[in-house]
C-alpha atoms as a PDB file:
ATOM      1  CA  MET A   1      99.880  99.905 103.423  1.00  0.00           C
ATOM      2  CA  SER A   2      98.220 100.406 100.268  1.00  0.00           C
ATOM      3  CA  VAL A   3      97.148 103.556  98.627  1.00  0.00           C
ATOM      4  CA  ASP A   4      93.742 102.754  98.872  1.00  0.00           C
ATOM      5  CA  ARG A   5      93.838 101.797 102.615  1.00  0.00           C
ATOM      6  CA  THR A   6      95.688 105.281 103.431  1.00  0.00           C
ATOM      7  CA  HIS A   7      92.661 106.694 101.509  1.00  0.00           C
ATOM      8  CA  ARG A   8      90.338 104.965 103.713  1.00  0.00           C
ATOM      9  CA  LEU A   9      92.589 105.943 106.756  1.00  0.00           C
ATOM     10  CA  LEU A  10      92.574 109.405 105.829  1.00  0.00           C
ATOM     11  CA  ALA A  11      88.928 109.932 104.988  1.00  0.00           C
ATOM     12  CA  ARG A  12      87.961 108.292 108.926  1.00  0.00           C
ATOM     13  CA  ALA A  13      90.385 110.734 110.246  1.00  0.00           C
ATOM     14  CA  LEU A  14      88.811 113.718 108.544  1.00  0.00           C
ATOM     15  CA  ALA A  15      85.374 112.673 109.168  1.00  0.00           C
ATOM     16  CA  LYS A  16      86.379 112.472 112.416  1.00  0.00           C
ATOM     17  CA  ARG A  17      87.282 115.752 112.906  1.00  0.00           C
ATOM     18  CA  PHE A  18      83.885 117.141 112.208  1.00  0.00           C
ATOM     19  CA  ALA A  19      82.289 114.946 114.960  1.00  0.00           C
ATOM     20  CA  PRO A  20      79.586 115.668 116.350  1.00  0.00           C
ATOM     21  CA  LEU A  21      78.410 117.390 113.058  1.00  0.00           C
ATOM     22  CA  ALA A  22      77.258 114.900 110.871  1.00  0.00           C
ATOM     23  CA  SER A  23      79.673 114.746 107.892  1.00  0.00           C
ATOM     24  CA  ASP A  24      80.180 112.974 104.463  1.00  0.00           C
ATOM     25  CA  VAL A  25      83.635 112.452 103.115  1.00  0.00           C
ATOM     26  CA  ALA A  26      83.132 111.131  99.691  1.00  0.00           C
ATOM     27  CA  SER A  27      86.341 109.802  97.919  1.00  0.00           C
ATOM     28  CA  VAL A  28      87.121 112.020  94.543  1.00  0.00           C
ATOM     29  CA  SER A  29      90.245 110.770  93.232  1.00  0.00           C
ATOM     30  CA  ILE A  30      93.758 108.789  94.092  1.00  0.00           C
ATOM     31  CA  THR A  31      96.397 109.815  91.996  1.00  0.00           C
ATOM     32  CA  PRO A  32      99.485 107.678  92.144  1.00  0.00           C
ATOM     33  CA  TRP A  33     103.100 110.247  92.466  1.00  0.00           C
ATOM     34  CA  GLU A  34     106.368 110.030  92.620  1.00  0.00           C
ATOM     35  CA  SER A  35     109.606 111.987  92.576  1.00  0.00           C
ATOM     36  CA  ALA A  36     113.208 110.794  92.258  1.00  0.00           C
ATOM     37  CA  THR A  37     113.550 109.894  95.491  1.00  0.00           C
ATOM     38  CA  PHE A  38     109.472 109.108  97.219  1.00  0.00           C
ATOM     39  CA  SER A  39     106.585 107.641  95.856  1.00  0.00           C
ATOM     40  CA  GLY A  40     102.950 108.057  97.501  1.00  0.00           C
ATOM     41  CA  ALA A  41      99.647 109.492  96.206  1.00  0.00           C
ATOM     42  CA  ARG A  42      97.604 112.516  95.407  1.00  0.00           C
ATOM     43  CA  HIS A  43      94.499 112.477  97.172  1.00  0.00           C
ATOM     44  CA  GLN A  44      91.480 114.598  96.574  1.00  0.00           C
ATOM     45  CA  TRP A  45      87.742 114.289  98.714  1.00  0.00           C
ATOM     46  CA  ALA A  46      84.544 116.292  98.852  1.00  0.00           C
ATOM     47  CA  VAL A  47      83.281 117.034 101.981  1.00  0.00           C
ATOM     48  CA  THR A  48      79.746 118.077 103.392  1.00  0.00           C
ATOM     49  CA  VAL A  49      79.411 119.082 107.140  1.00  0.00           C
ATOM     50  CA  VAL A  50      75.797 119.812 107.994  1.00  0.00           C
ATOM     51  CA  GLY A  51      74.292 120.819 111.099  1.00  0.00           C
ATOM     52  CA  ASP A  52      74.290 123.886 113.630  1.00  0.00           C
ATOM     53  CA  GLY A  53      77.901 125.282 113.800  1.00  0.00           C
ATOM     54  CA  ALA A  54      78.790 123.644 110.348  1.00  0.00           C
ATOM     55  CA  TRP A  55      80.294 127.185 109.074  1.00  0.00           C
ATOM     56  CA  PRO A  56      82.661 127.863 112.109  1.00  0.00           C
ATOM     57  CA  ALA A  57      83.994 123.952 111.938  1.00  0.00           C
ATOM     58  CA  ALA A  58      84.906 124.283 108.450  1.00  0.00           C
ATOM     59  CA  LYS A  59      86.464 127.558 109.027  1.00  0.00           C
ATOM     60  CA  ALA A  60      88.511 126.265 112.376  1.00  0.00           C
ATOM     61  CA  PHE A  61      89.132 123.029 110.070  1.00  0.00           C
ATOM     62  CA  SER A  62      90.459 124.901 107.448  1.00  0.00           C
ATOM     63  CA  ARG A  63      93.096 126.637 109.379  1.00  0.00           C
ATOM     64  CA  THR A  64      94.206 123.982 111.462  1.00  0.00           C
ATOM     65  CA  LEU A  65      94.404 121.028 109.095  1.00  0.00           C
ATOM     66  CA  ALA A  66      97.815 122.191 107.576  1.00  0.00           C
ATOM     67  CA  GLU A  67      99.459 121.214 111.012  1.00  0.00           C
ATOM     68  CA  ALA A  68      97.159 118.069 111.734  1.00  0.00           C
ATOM     69  CA  GLU A  69      98.997 114.980 112.518  1.00  0.00           C
ATOM     70  CA  PHE A  70      97.729 111.642 110.954  1.00  0.00           C
ATOM     71  CA  ASP A  71      98.090 108.061 112.081  1.00  0.00           C
ATOM     72  CA  LEU A  72      99.346 106.313 109.048  1.00  0.00           C
ATOM     73  CA  PRO A  73     101.541 103.090 109.034  1.00  0.00           C
ATOM     74  CA  GLY A  74     104.191 103.805 106.722  1.00  0.00           C
ATOM     75  CA  ASN A  75     103.065 106.707 105.071  1.00  0.00           C
ATOM     76  CA  ILE A  76     103.173 110.333 106.015  1.00  0.00           C
ATOM     77  CA  VAL A  77     100.965 113.078 105.290  1.00  0.00           C
ATOM     78  CA  ALA A  78     103.710 115.564 103.493  1.00  0.00           C
ATOM     79  CA  ASP A  79     101.005 118.019 102.394  1.00  0.00           C
ATOM     80  CA  ILE A  80      97.398 118.780 102.884  1.00  0.00           C
ATOM     81  CA  ALA A  81      95.046 121.812 102.425  1.00  0.00           C
ATOM     82  CA  VAL A  82      91.470 122.657 102.085  1.00  0.00           C
ATOM     83  CA  THR A  83      91.098 123.697  98.371  1.00  0.00           C
ATOM     84  CA  ALA A  84      87.519 125.028  98.298  1.00  0.00           C
ATOM     85  CA  LEU A  85      85.228 125.998 100.906  1.00  0.00           C
ATOM     86  CA  ASP A  86      81.534 126.977 100.143  1.00  0.00           C
ATOM     87  CA  ARG A  87      78.817 127.633 102.451  1.00  0.00           C
ATOM     88  CA  ALA A  88      75.316 126.462 100.764  1.00  0.00           C
ATOM     89  CA  ASP A  89      73.188 127.167 103.480  1.00  0.00           C
ATOM     90  CA  PRO A  90      73.660 128.271 107.321  1.00  0.00           C
ATOM     91  CA  GLN A  91      73.947 124.524 108.032  1.00  0.00           C
ATOM     92  CA  THR A  92      75.610 123.277 105.113  1.00  0.00           C
ATOM     93  CA  VAL A  93      79.120 123.440 104.006  1.00  0.00           C
ATOM     94  CA  SER A  94      81.347 121.782 101.493  1.00  0.00           C
ATOM     95  CA  LEU A  95      85.298 121.327 101.167  1.00  0.00           C
ATOM     96  CA  LYS A  96      87.335 120.050  98.822  1.00  0.00           C
ATOM     97  CA  VAL A  97      90.455 118.547 100.837  1.00  0.00           C
ATOM     98  CA  GLU A  98      93.902 117.711  98.643  1.00  0.00           C
ATOM     99  CA  ALA A  99      96.460 115.518 100.401  1.00  0.00           C
ATOM    100  CA  LEU A 100      99.709 114.055  99.165  1.00  0.00           C
ATOM    101  CA  THR A 101     101.228 111.105 101.142  1.00  0.00           C
ATOM    102  CA  VAL A 102     104.198 109.753 101.251  1.00  0.00           C
ATOM    103  CA  GLY A 103     105.836 105.878 101.855  1.00  0.00           C
ATOM    104  CA  CYS A 104     108.260 105.673 104.613  1.00  0.00           C
ATOM    105  CA  ALA A 105     110.059 103.010 105.988  1.00  0.00           C
END
């Protein structure tokens, strides 16, 4: 699976985790990544969540994201985390999410 497709699938999965609240998952960057034995990509997104309950939903998302499972044929999520969390007002929360995906056979 291409790095771009993996990035899009992860963005959709992140947005679904906030349903039924409104969310916008904007791509920030995709950077190829390699180690001696693996190749993959580092991904970043800016996520905005809007609606009643946005703050509790964002906090719960942050606490549970590392244990989340994602269906990415040919790839695994080796690491994923919320690296920034900001409450603009009671109904608007901005998050920065970063992930490392690795290709697998």
